[in-house]
Amino acid sequence: MHKNLTAVNDSTVAGLGRLARFFGFSEVMGRLYGTLLMNPEPLSLDDLADTLRISKGSVSMNMRALERWGMATEVWMRGERKKYYQAESDLWQVIRNVLDSRERREVQMALQVLNESVGKLQSANDQLSPEEQELAKYYLERIDDLQAFFEFAQMALETVLGGQESLDFEAVTKIEIG
């Protein structure tokens, strides 16, 4: 393979590894996804382990995670017994999968914790001294602000997740601003 092709592939795979860490995933997951994304043909676990110079066990464990996130799928290869994988190339779908699986759950959990805190403050109000009631009132104001933020985040997530089935990435990137 030409050195420029190799350099582009290597830098893309490494970049996706760093980007994965930024979003809370392992670097290995990002590199695996990048390797699959940049390869026109499905790859086996052995291919991935050899290409990235990591253990087959690590590849297998991280591929299961990529499958759970909807970032890669197992594909059947005629005449092969090995498992082969290909990347989900629709990046909008990958983003929707991650937002749906992780962020939506986190926002819902935050709202639940805040609602429980409001309930605790309200039920304890009769037992608080006047100074503690003032502090409880302050807490409720802060919690109200947090609830408004997380409710907005929830609406934004629902808007993104409930949107078009497939966005035209090329069209979106060509939008001119101002």
N, C-alpha and C. Protein backbone atom coordinates (compact mmCIF):
# COMPACT_ATOMS: atom_id res chain seq x y z
N MET A 1 0.85 -1.17 0.00
CA MET A 1 0.00 0.00 0.00
C MET A 1 0.90 1.24 0.00
N HIS A 2 0.50 2.26 -0.73
CA HIS A 2 1.26 3.51 -0.81
C HIS A 2 1.39 4.14 0.57
N LYS A 3 2.54 4.77 0.82
CA LYS A 3 2.80 5.33 2.16
C LYS A 3 1.79 6.40 2.56
N ASN A 4 1.25 7.16 1.60
CA ASN A 4 0.25 8.18 1.94
C ASN A 4 -1.06 7.55 2.37
N LEU A 5 -1.44 6.44 1.71
CA LEU A 5 -2.65 5.73 2.11
C LEU A 5 -2.49 5.16 3.52
N THR A 6 -1.33 4.59 3.78
CA THR A 6 -1.05 4.05 5.11
C THR A 6 -1.07 5.15 6.16
N ALA A 7 -0.46 6.29 5.84
CA ALA A 7 -0.41 7.41 6.80
C ALA A 7 -1.81 7.93 7.11
N VAL A 8 -2.65 8.07 6.08
CA VAL A 8 -4.01 8.55 6.30
C VAL A 8 -4.80 7.56 7.15
N ASN A 9 -4.69 6.29 6.83
CA ASN A 9 -5.38 5.25 7.59
C ASN A 9 -4.93 5.28 9.05
N ASP A 10 -3.62 5.28 9.26
CA ASP A 10 -3.08 5.25 10.62
C ASP A 10 -3.50 6.48 11.43
N SER A 11 -3.45 7.65 10.82
CA SER A 11 -3.81 8.86 11.57
C SER A 11 -5.30 8.90 11.86
N THR A 12 -6.11 8.40 10.95
CA THR A 12 -7.56 8.36 11.19
C THR A 12 -7.90 7.40 12.32
N VAL A 13 -7.30 6.23 12.29
CA VAL A 13 -7.54 5.23 13.34
C VAL A 13 -7.07 5.77 14.70
N ALA A 14 -5.89 6.37 14.73
CA ALA A 14 -5.38 6.93 15.98
C ALA A 14 -6.27 8.08 16.47
N GLY A 15 -6.72 8.91 15.54
CA GLY A 15 -7.59 10.02 15.90
C GLY A 15 -8.91 9.54 16.47
N LEU A 16 -9.49 8.50 15.90
CA LEU A 16 -10.74 7.96 16.43
C LEU A 16 -10.52 7.33 17.81
N GLY A 17 -9.32 6.80 18.03
CA GLY A 17 -8.99 6.28 19.36
C GLY A 17 -8.98 7.39 20.40
N ARG A 18 -8.36 8.52 20.06
CA ARG A 18 -8.33 9.66 20.98
C ARG A 18 -9.73 10.24 21.18
N LEU A 19 -10.48 10.32 20.10
CA LEU A 19 -11.84 10.85 20.17
C LEU A 19 -12.73 9.96 21.05
N ALA A 20 -12.54 8.67 20.95
CA ALA A 20 -13.32 7.73 21.77
C ALA A 20 -13.07 8.01 23.25
N ARG A 21 -11.81 8.23 23.62
CA ARG A 21 -11.48 8.54 25.02
C ARG A 21 -12.19 9.81 25.47
N PHE A 22 -12.22 10.81 24.60
CA PHE A 22 -12.88 12.07 24.92
C PHE A 22 -14.35 11.85 25.27
N PHE A 23 -15.01 10.91 24.58
CA PHE A 23 -16.42 10.64 24.81
C PHE A 23 -16.67 9.54 25.85
N GLY A 24 -15.61 9.13 26.55
CA GLY A 24 -15.78 8.17 27.64
C GLY A 24 -15.69 6.71 27.24
N PHE A 25 -15.27 6.44 26.03
CA PHE A 25 -15.07 5.06 25.59
C PHE A 25 -13.58 4.75 25.66
N SER A 26 -13.22 3.49 25.53
CA SER A 26 -11.80 3.15 25.56
C SER A 26 -11.16 3.50 24.21
N GLU A 27 -9.89 3.78 24.28
CA GLU A 27 -9.14 4.08 23.06
C GLU A 27 -9.15 2.89 22.11
N VAL A 28 -9.09 1.69 22.69
CA VAL A 28 -9.11 0.48 21.86
C VAL A 28 -10.42 0.41 21.06
N MET A 29 -11.54 0.74 21.71
CA MET A 29 -12.82 0.73 20.99
C MET A 29 -12.77 1.70 19.81
N GLY A 30 -12.24 2.88 20.04
CA GLY A 30 -12.14 3.87 18.97
C GLY A 30 -11.25 3.40 17.83
N ARG A 31 -10.14 2.78 18.19
CA ARG A 31 -9.22 2.28 17.15
C ARG A 31 -9.84 1.11 16.38
N LEU A 32 -10.56 0.23 17.09
CA LEU A 32 -11.25 -0.87 16.40
C LEU A 32 -12.30 -0.32 15.43
N TYR A 33 -13.09 0.62 15.93
CA TYR A 33 -14.12 1.22 15.07
C TYR A 33 -13.45 1.88 13.85
N GLY A 34 -12.39 2.62 14.09
CA GLY A 34 -11.68 3.28 12.99
C GLY A 34 -11.13 2.29 11.98
N THR A 35 -10.57 1.20 12.47
CA THR A 35 -10.02 0.18 11.57
C THR A 35 -11.12 -0.42 10.71
N LEU A 36 -12.26 -0.72 11.32
CA LEU A 36 -13.38 -1.27 10.55
C LEU A 36 -13.93 -0.24 9.57
N LEU A 37 -14.05 1.01 10.03
CA LEU A 37 -14.61 2.07 9.19
C LEU A 37 -13.74 2.33 7.97
N MET A 38 -12.44 2.26 8.14
CA MET A 38 -11.51 2.57 7.05
C MET A 38 -11.22 1.37 6.16
N ASN A 39 -11.81 0.21 6.46
CA ASN A 39 -11.56 -0.97 5.64
C ASN A 39 -12.79 -1.28 4.82
N PRO A 40 -12.64 -1.37 3.50
CA PRO A 40 -13.80 -1.63 2.65
C PRO A 40 -14.40 -3.03 2.81
N GLU A 41 -13.64 -3.95 3.38
CA GLU A 41 -14.11 -5.32 3.57
C GLU A 41 -14.25 -5.62 5.05
N PRO A 42 -15.19 -6.52 5.42
CA PRO A 42 -15.29 -6.92 6.83
C PRO A 42 -13.98 -7.56 7.30
N LEU A 43 -13.70 -7.44 8.58
CA LEU A 43 -12.48 -7.99 9.16
C LEU A 43 -12.82 -8.98 10.27
N SER A 44 -11.97 -9.99 10.42
CA SER A 44 -12.15 -10.98 11.48
C SER A 44 -11.48 -10.46 12.76
N LEU A 45 -11.77 -11.16 13.85
CA LEU A 45 -11.12 -10.82 15.12
C LEU A 45 -9.61 -10.94 14.98
N ASP A 46 -9.15 -11.99 14.28
CA ASP A 46 -7.70 -12.17 14.06
C ASP A 46 -7.12 -11.01 13.26
N ASP A 47 -7.83 -10.59 12.20
CA ASP A 47 -7.37 -9.46 11.39
C ASP A 47 -7.22 -8.21 12.24
N LEU A 48 -8.24 -7.96 13.07
CA LEU A 48 -8.23 -6.76 13.92
C LEU A 48 -7.09 -6.83 14.94
N ALA A 49 -6.90 -7.99 15.56
CA ALA A 49 -5.83 -8.15 16.55
C ALA A 49 -4.47 -7.93 15.90
N ASP A 50 -4.26 -8.51 14.72
CA ASP A 50 -2.98 -8.35 14.02
C ASP A 50 -2.76 -6.91 13.59
N THR A 51 -3.80 -6.28 13.03
CA THR A 51 -3.67 -4.92 12.53
C THR A 51 -3.33 -3.94 13.65
N LEU A 52 -4.02 -4.08 14.78
CA LEU A 52 -3.83 -3.13 15.89
C LEU A 52 -2.79 -3.58 16.91
N ARG A 53 -2.27 -4.80 16.71
CA ARG A 53 -1.26 -5.35 17.61
C ARG A 53 -1.77 -5.39 19.06
N ILE A 54 -2.96 -5.94 19.22
CA ILE A 54 -3.54 -6.12 20.54
C ILE A 54 -4.04 -7.56 20.65
N SER A 55 -4.31 -8.00 21.85
CA SER A 55 -4.72 -9.40 22.04
C SER A 55 -6.09 -9.66 21.44
N LYS A 56 -6.28 -10.89 21.03
CA LYS A 56 -7.57 -11.29 20.48
C LYS A 56 -8.66 -11.18 21.55
N GLY A 57 -8.32 -11.44 22.81
CA GLY A 57 -9.28 -11.30 23.90
C GLY A 57 -9.77 -9.87 24.04
N SER A 58 -8.84 -8.92 23.94
CA SER A 58 -9.21 -7.50 24.01
C SER A 58 -10.08 -7.12 22.83
N VAL A 59 -9.74 -7.62 21.66
CA VAL A 59 -10.53 -7.34 20.46
C VAL A 59 -11.94 -7.89 20.65
N SER A 60 -12.05 -9.13 21.11
CA SER A 60 -13.35 -9.77 21.28
C SER A 60 -14.22 -9.00 22.27
N MET A 61 -13.64 -8.64 23.41
CA MET A 61 -14.39 -7.91 24.44
C MET A 61 -14.86 -6.54 23.91
N ASN A 62 -13.97 -5.83 23.25
CA ASN A 62 -14.32 -4.50 22.75
C ASN A 62 -15.27 -4.56 21.56
N MET A 63 -15.19 -5.63 20.77
CA MET A 63 -16.14 -5.77 19.66
C MET A 63 -17.55 -6.00 20.18
N ARG A 64 -17.67 -6.75 21.28
CA ARG A 64 -19.01 -6.93 21.88
C ARG A 64 -19.57 -5.57 22.30
N ALA A 65 -18.72 -4.72 22.87
CA ALA A 65 -19.16 -3.39 23.27
C ALA A 65 -19.56 -2.57 22.04
N LEU A 66 -18.77 -2.63 20.98
CA LEU A 66 -19.11 -1.90 19.75
C LEU A 66 -20.45 -2.38 19.18
N GLU A 67 -20.69 -3.67 19.26
CA GLU A 67 -21.98 -4.20 18.80
C GLU A 67 -23.12 -3.68 19.65
N ARG A 68 -22.94 -3.67 20.98
CA ARG A 68 -23.99 -3.16 21.88
C ARG A 68 -24.32 -1.70 21.57
N TRP A 69 -23.31 -0.91 21.24
CA TRP A 69 -23.51 0.51 20.93
C TRP A 69 -24.01 0.71 19.51
N GLY A 70 -24.11 -0.36 18.73
CA GLY A 70 -24.58 -0.23 17.35
C GLY A 70 -23.54 0.38 16.43
N MET A 71 -22.28 0.26 16.81
CA MET A 71 -21.20 0.86 16.01
C MET A 71 -20.58 -0.15 15.05
N ALA A 72 -20.85 -1.43 15.26
CA ALA A 72 -20.32 -2.48 14.39
C ALA A 72 -21.31 -3.64 14.41
N THR A 73 -21.30 -4.40 13.32
CA THR A 73 -22.16 -5.57 13.24
C THR A 73 -21.37 -6.76 12.75
N GLU A 74 -21.77 -7.93 13.21
CA GLU A 74 -21.17 -9.16 12.74
C GLU A 74 -21.77 -9.47 11.37
N VAL A 75 -20.92 -9.89 10.43
CA VAL A 75 -21.39 -10.23 9.09
C VAL A 75 -20.95 -11.65 8.76
N TRP A 76 -21.78 -12.31 7.99
CA TRP A 76 -21.49 -13.67 7.58
C TRP A 76 -20.65 -13.63 6.31
N MET A 77 -19.59 -14.42 6.29
CA MET A 77 -18.72 -14.52 5.11
C MET A 77 -18.80 -15.95 4.60
N ARG A 78 -19.18 -16.09 3.36
CA ARG A 78 -19.35 -17.41 2.74
C ARG A 78 -18.07 -18.24 2.87
N GLY A 79 -18.24 -19.45 3.38
CA GLY A 79 -17.12 -20.38 3.49
C GLY A 79 -16.20 -20.11 4.68
N GLU A 80 -16.53 -19.18 5.54
CA GLU A 80 -15.69 -18.83 6.69
C GLU A 80 -16.36 -19.25 7.99
N ARG A 81 -15.58 -19.71 8.92
CA ARG A 81 -16.08 -20.05 10.25
C ARG A 81 -15.82 -18.93 11.24
N LYS A 82 -14.89 -18.07 10.94
CA LYS A 82 -14.55 -16.97 11.83
C LYS A 82 -15.65 -15.92 11.83
N LYS A 83 -15.67 -15.14 12.92
CA LYS A 83 -16.58 -14.01 12.98
C LYS A 83 -15.94 -12.82 12.26
N TYR A 84 -16.74 -12.19 11.42
CA TYR A 84 -16.28 -10.99 10.71
C TYR A 84 -17.18 -9.82 11.09
N TYR A 85 -16.58 -8.64 11.06
CA TYR A 85 -17.31 -7.43 11.48
C TYR A 85 -17.11 -6.32 10.47
N GLN A 86 -18.13 -5.45 10.43
CA GLN A 86 -18.01 -4.21 9.66
C GLN A 86 -18.55 -3.07 10.52
N ALA A 87 -18.05 -1.87 10.25
CA ALA A 87 -18.47 -0.69 11.01
C ALA A 87 -19.80 -0.17 10.50
N GLU A 88 -20.57 0.43 11.40
CA GLU A 88 -21.74 1.21 11.00
C GLU A 88 -21.18 2.49 10.41
N SER A 89 -21.41 2.71 9.14
CA SER A 89 -20.81 3.88 8.48
C SER A 89 -21.68 5.12 8.54
N ASP A 90 -22.93 4.99 8.96
CA ASP A 90 -23.81 6.14 9.12
C ASP A 90 -23.49 6.78 10.48
N LEU A 91 -22.68 7.82 10.46
CA LEU A 91 -22.23 8.43 11.71
C LEU A 91 -23.37 9.05 12.50
N TRP A 92 -24.41 9.52 11.83
CA TRP A 92 -25.58 10.04 12.54
C TRP A 92 -26.27 8.92 13.31
N GLN A 93 -26.30 7.73 12.73
CA GLN A 93 -26.89 6.58 13.43
C GLN A 93 -26.05 6.21 14.65
N VAL A 94 -24.74 6.26 14.52
CA VAL A 94 -23.86 5.98 15.66
C VAL A 94 -24.13 6.97 16.78
N ILE A 95 -24.23 8.25 16.43
CA ILE A 95 -24.50 9.29 17.44
C ILE A 95 -25.85 9.05 18.10
N ARG A 96 -26.86 8.74 17.30
CA ARG A 96 -28.19 8.47 17.87
C ARG A 96 -28.14 7.26 18.81
N ASN A 97 -27.42 6.21 18.43
CA ASN A 97 -27.31 5.02 19.27
C ASN A 97 -26.68 5.36 20.62
N VAL A 98 -25.61 6.13 20.58
CA VAL A 98 -24.91 6.49 21.82
C VAL A 98 -25.79 7.39 22.68
N LEU A 99 -26.40 8.39 22.05
CA LEU A 99 -27.27 9.29 22.81
C LEU A 99 -28.44 8.52 23.42
N ASP A 100 -29.01 7.62 22.65
CA ASP A 100 -30.16 6.86 23.13
C ASP A 100 -29.78 5.93 24.27
N SER A 101 -28.64 5.26 24.13
CA SER A 101 -28.24 4.27 25.13
C SER A 101 -27.64 4.88 26.38
N ARG A 102 -26.91 5.95 26.24
CA ARG A 102 -26.16 6.46 27.38
C ARG A 102 -26.71 7.79 27.90
N GLU A 103 -26.74 8.80 27.07
CA GLU A 103 -27.11 10.13 27.53
C GLU A 103 -28.56 10.20 28.00
N ARG A 104 -29.46 9.58 27.28
CA ARG A 104 -30.88 9.60 27.68
C ARG A 104 -31.03 9.00 29.07
N ARG A 105 -30.37 7.89 29.31
CA ARG A 105 -30.43 7.23 30.61
C ARG A 105 -29.85 8.13 31.71
N GLU A 106 -28.74 8.79 31.43
CA GLU A 106 -28.11 9.67 32.42
C GLU A 106 -29.00 10.86 32.76
N VAL A 107 -29.62 11.45 31.76
CA VAL A 107 -30.52 12.59 32.00
C VAL A 107 -31.72 12.13 32.82
N GLN A 108 -32.29 10.99 32.48
CA GLN A 108 -33.43 10.48 33.24
C GLN A 108 -33.04 10.19 34.69
N MET A 109 -31.84 9.65 34.90
CA MET A 109 -31.38 9.35 36.24
C MET A 109 -31.17 10.66 37.03
N ALA A 110 -30.61 11.67 36.39
CA ALA A 110 -30.41 12.96 37.06
C ALA A 110 -31.75 13.56 37.48
N LEU A 111 -32.74 13.51 36.60
CA LEU A 111 -34.06 14.03 36.95
C LEU A 111 -34.68 13.25 38.11
N GLN A 112 -34.49 11.95 38.12
CA GLN A 112 -35.02 11.13 39.20
C GLN A 112 -34.38 11.51 40.53
N VAL A 113 -33.06 11.67 40.55
CA VAL A 113 -32.35 12.05 41.78
C VAL A 113 -32.82 13.42 42.26
N LEU A 114 -32.98 14.36 41.33
CA LEU A 114 -33.44 15.70 41.71
C LEU A 114 -34.86 15.65 42.28
N ASN A 115 -35.74 14.88 41.67
CA ASN A 115 -37.11 14.74 42.18
C ASN A 115 -37.12 14.13 43.59
N GLU A 116 -36.26 13.12 43.80
CA GLU A 116 -36.16 12.51 45.13
C GLU A 116 -35.66 13.53 46.15
N SER A 117 -34.72 14.37 45.75
CA SER A 117 -34.19 15.40 46.65
C SER A 117 -35.27 16.40 47.03
N VAL A 118 -36.08 16.79 46.07
CA VAL A 118 -37.19 17.71 46.36
C VAL A 118 -38.13 17.07 47.37
N GLY A 119 -38.46 15.82 47.19
CA GLY A 119 -39.34 15.11 48.11
C GLY A 119 -38.76 15.05 49.52
N LYS A 120 -37.45 14.78 49.64
CA LYS A 120 -36.80 14.73 50.95
C LYS A 120 -36.85 16.10 51.63
N LEU A 121 -36.57 17.15 50.87
CA LEU A 121 -36.60 18.50 51.44
C LEU A 121 -38.01 18.87 51.90
N GLN A 122 -38.99 18.54 51.08
CA GLN A 122 -40.37 18.88 51.44
C GLN A 122 -40.85 18.10 52.66
N SER A 123 -40.48 16.82 52.75
CA SER A 123 -40.94 16.02 53.89
C SER A 123 -40.24 16.41 55.19
N ALA A 124 -39.05 16.97 55.11
CA ALA A 124 -38.31 17.35 56.31
C ALA A 124 -38.59 18.78 56.74
N ASN A 125 -39.30 19.54 55.93
CA ASN A 125 -39.49 20.97 56.17
C ASN A 125 -40.04 21.27 57.57
N ASP A 126 -41.00 20.49 58.07
CA ASP A 126 -41.61 20.74 59.38
C ASP A 126 -40.62 20.51 60.52
N GLN A 127 -39.59 19.73 60.27
CA GLN A 127 -38.63 19.38 61.32
C GLN A 127 -37.41 20.30 61.32
N LEU A 128 -37.36 21.26 60.41
CA LEU A 128 -36.18 22.12 60.26
C LEU A 128 -36.34 23.41 61.06
N SER A 129 -35.21 23.88 61.53
CA SER A 129 -35.20 25.18 62.20
C SER A 129 -35.41 26.26 61.14
N PRO A 130 -35.73 27.49 61.54
CA PRO A 130 -35.91 28.57 60.56
C PRO A 130 -34.69 28.77 59.65
N GLU A 131 -33.48 28.63 60.22
CA GLU A 131 -32.26 28.77 59.41
C GLU A 131 -32.15 27.62 58.40
N GLU A 132 -32.46 26.42 58.86
CA GLU A 132 -32.41 25.25 57.97
C GLU A 132 -33.48 25.35 56.90
N GLN A 133 -34.64 25.92 57.23
CA GLN A 133 -35.70 26.12 56.23
C GLN A 133 -35.23 27.08 55.14
N GLU A 134 -34.48 28.11 55.52
CA GLU A 134 -33.93 29.04 54.53
C GLU A 134 -32.94 28.32 53.61
N LEU A 135 -32.10 27.47 54.21
CA LEU A 135 -31.15 26.70 53.41
C LEU A 135 -31.90 25.72 52.50
N ALA A 136 -32.93 25.09 53.01
CA ALA A 136 -33.74 24.17 52.21
C ALA A 136 -34.39 24.93 51.04
N LYS A 137 -34.87 26.14 51.30
CA LYS A 137 -35.46 26.96 50.24
C LYS A 137 -34.41 27.27 49.16
N TYR A 138 -33.21 27.60 49.60
CA TYR A 138 -32.10 27.85 48.66
C TYR A 138 -31.82 26.60 47.83
N TYR A 139 -31.75 25.43 48.49
CA TYR A 139 -31.54 24.17 47.78
C TYR A 139 -32.62 23.95 46.73
N LEU A 140 -33.87 24.19 47.11
CA LEU A 140 -34.98 23.99 46.17
C LEU A 140 -34.85 24.90 44.94
N GLU A 141 -34.39 26.14 45.15
CA GLU A 141 -34.19 27.04 44.02
C GLU A 141 -33.11 26.51 43.09
N ARG A 142 -32.00 26.01 43.66
CA ARG A 142 -30.91 25.46 42.83
C ARG A 142 -31.38 24.20 42.11
N ILE A 143 -32.12 23.37 42.83
CA ILE A 143 -32.62 22.13 42.22
C ILE A 143 -33.60 22.45 41.11
N ASP A 144 -34.41 23.47 41.31
CA ASP A 144 -35.35 23.89 40.26
C ASP A 144 -34.59 24.28 38.99
N ASP A 145 -33.48 25.01 39.15
CA ASP A 145 -32.65 25.38 38.00
C ASP A 145 -32.07 24.14 37.32
N LEU A 146 -31.59 23.20 38.13
CA LEU A 146 -31.03 21.97 37.57
C LEU A 146 -32.11 21.16 36.85
N GLN A 147 -33.30 21.08 37.44
CA GLN A 147 -34.38 20.35 36.78
C GLN A 147 -34.72 20.98 35.44
N ALA A 148 -34.77 22.31 35.39
CA ALA A 148 -35.07 22.99 34.12
C ALA A 148 -34.00 22.66 33.08
N PHE A 149 -32.73 22.64 33.51
CA PHE A 149 -31.64 22.31 32.58
C PHE A 149 -31.79 20.89 32.06
N PHE A 150 -31.99 19.92 32.96
CA PHE A 150 -32.08 18.53 32.54
C PHE A 150 -33.35 18.25 31.73
N GLU A 151 -34.42 18.96 32.02
CA GLU A 151 -35.63 18.81 31.20
C GLU A 151 -35.39 19.34 29.79
N PHE A 152 -34.64 20.44 29.68
CA PHE A 152 -34.28 20.96 28.36
C PHE A 152 -33.39 19.94 27.63
N ALA A 153 -32.41 19.38 28.36
CA ALA A 153 -31.53 18.37 27.76
C ALA A 153 -32.33 17.17 27.28
N GLN A 154 -33.33 16.78 28.07
CA GLN A 154 -34.18 15.66 27.69
C GLN A 154 -34.96 15.98 26.41
N MET A 155 -35.50 17.18 26.33
CA MET A 155 -36.23 17.58 25.10
C MET A 155 -35.29 17.61 23.90
N ALA A 156 -34.07 18.12 24.09
CA ALA A 156 -33.11 18.17 22.99
C ALA A 156 -32.75 16.76 22.52
N LEU A 157 -32.54 15.86 23.48
CA LEU A 157 -32.24 14.47 23.11
C LEU A 157 -33.40 13.84 22.36
N GLU A 158 -34.61 14.07 22.83
CA GLU A 158 -35.78 13.50 22.15
C GLU A 158 -35.91 14.07 20.74
N THR A 159 -35.58 15.34 20.57
CA THR A 159 -35.63 15.95 19.24
C THR A 159 -34.62 15.29 18.31
N VAL A 160 -33.40 15.08 18.81
CA VAL A 160 -32.35 14.45 17.99
C VAL A 160 -32.71 13.00 17.71
N LEU A 161 -33.14 12.28 18.74
CA LEU A 161 -33.41 10.86 18.59
C LEU A 161 -34.70 10.59 17.83
N GLY A 162 -35.63 11.49 17.90
CA GLY A 162 -36.90 11.30 17.22
C GLY A 162 -36.91 11.88 15.83
N GLY A 163 -35.77 12.43 15.40
CA GLY A 163 -35.69 13.09 14.09
C GLY A 163 -35.66 12.13 12.94
N GLN A 164 -35.16 12.62 11.84
CA GLN A 164 -35.10 11.84 10.61
C GLN A 164 -34.38 10.52 10.86
N GLU A 165 -34.78 9.50 10.11
CA GLU A 165 -34.12 8.20 10.23
C GLU A 165 -32.66 8.29 9.77
N SER A 166 -32.42 9.02 8.73
CA SER A 166 -31.06 9.15 8.23
C SER A 166 -30.84 10.55 7.70
N LEU A 167 -29.90 11.23 8.29
CA LEU A 167 -29.59 12.58 7.85
C LEU A 167 -28.58 12.51 6.71
N ASP A 168 -28.65 13.45 5.81
CA ASP A 168 -27.69 13.54 4.72
C ASP A 168 -26.49 14.31 5.23
N PHE A 169 -25.46 13.59 5.69
CA PHE A 169 -24.28 14.20 6.29
C PHE A 169 -23.59 15.16 5.34
N GLU A 170 -23.51 14.79 4.09
CA GLU A 170 -22.87 15.65 3.09
C GLU A 170 -23.61 16.97 2.95
N ALA A 171 -24.92 16.91 2.94
CA ALA A 171 -25.73 18.14 2.82
C ALA A 171 -25.55 19.01 4.06
N VAL A 172 -25.51 18.39 5.23
CA VAL A 172 -25.36 19.14 6.46
C VAL A 172 -24.01 19.84 6.51
N THR A 173 -22.95 19.18 6.05
CA THR A 173 -21.62 19.78 6.11
C THR A 173 -21.42 20.88 5.09
N LYS A 174 -22.30 21.00 4.09
CA LYS A 174 -22.17 22.03 3.07
C LYS A 174 -23.00 23.27 3.38
N ILE A 175 -23.69 23.28 4.52
CA ILE A 175 -24.50 24.44 4.87
C ILE A 175 -23.57 25.61 5.13
N GLU A 176 -23.86 26.72 4.48
CA GLU A 176 -23.04 27.92 4.67
C GLU A 176 -23.65 28.77 5.76
N ILE A 177 -22.78 29.28 6.62
CA ILE A 177 -23.24 30.14 7.71
C ILE A 177 -22.94 31.58 7.36
N GLY A 178 -23.99 32.43 7.52
CA GLY A 178 -23.90 33.88 7.39
C GLY A 178 -23.27 34.34 6.18
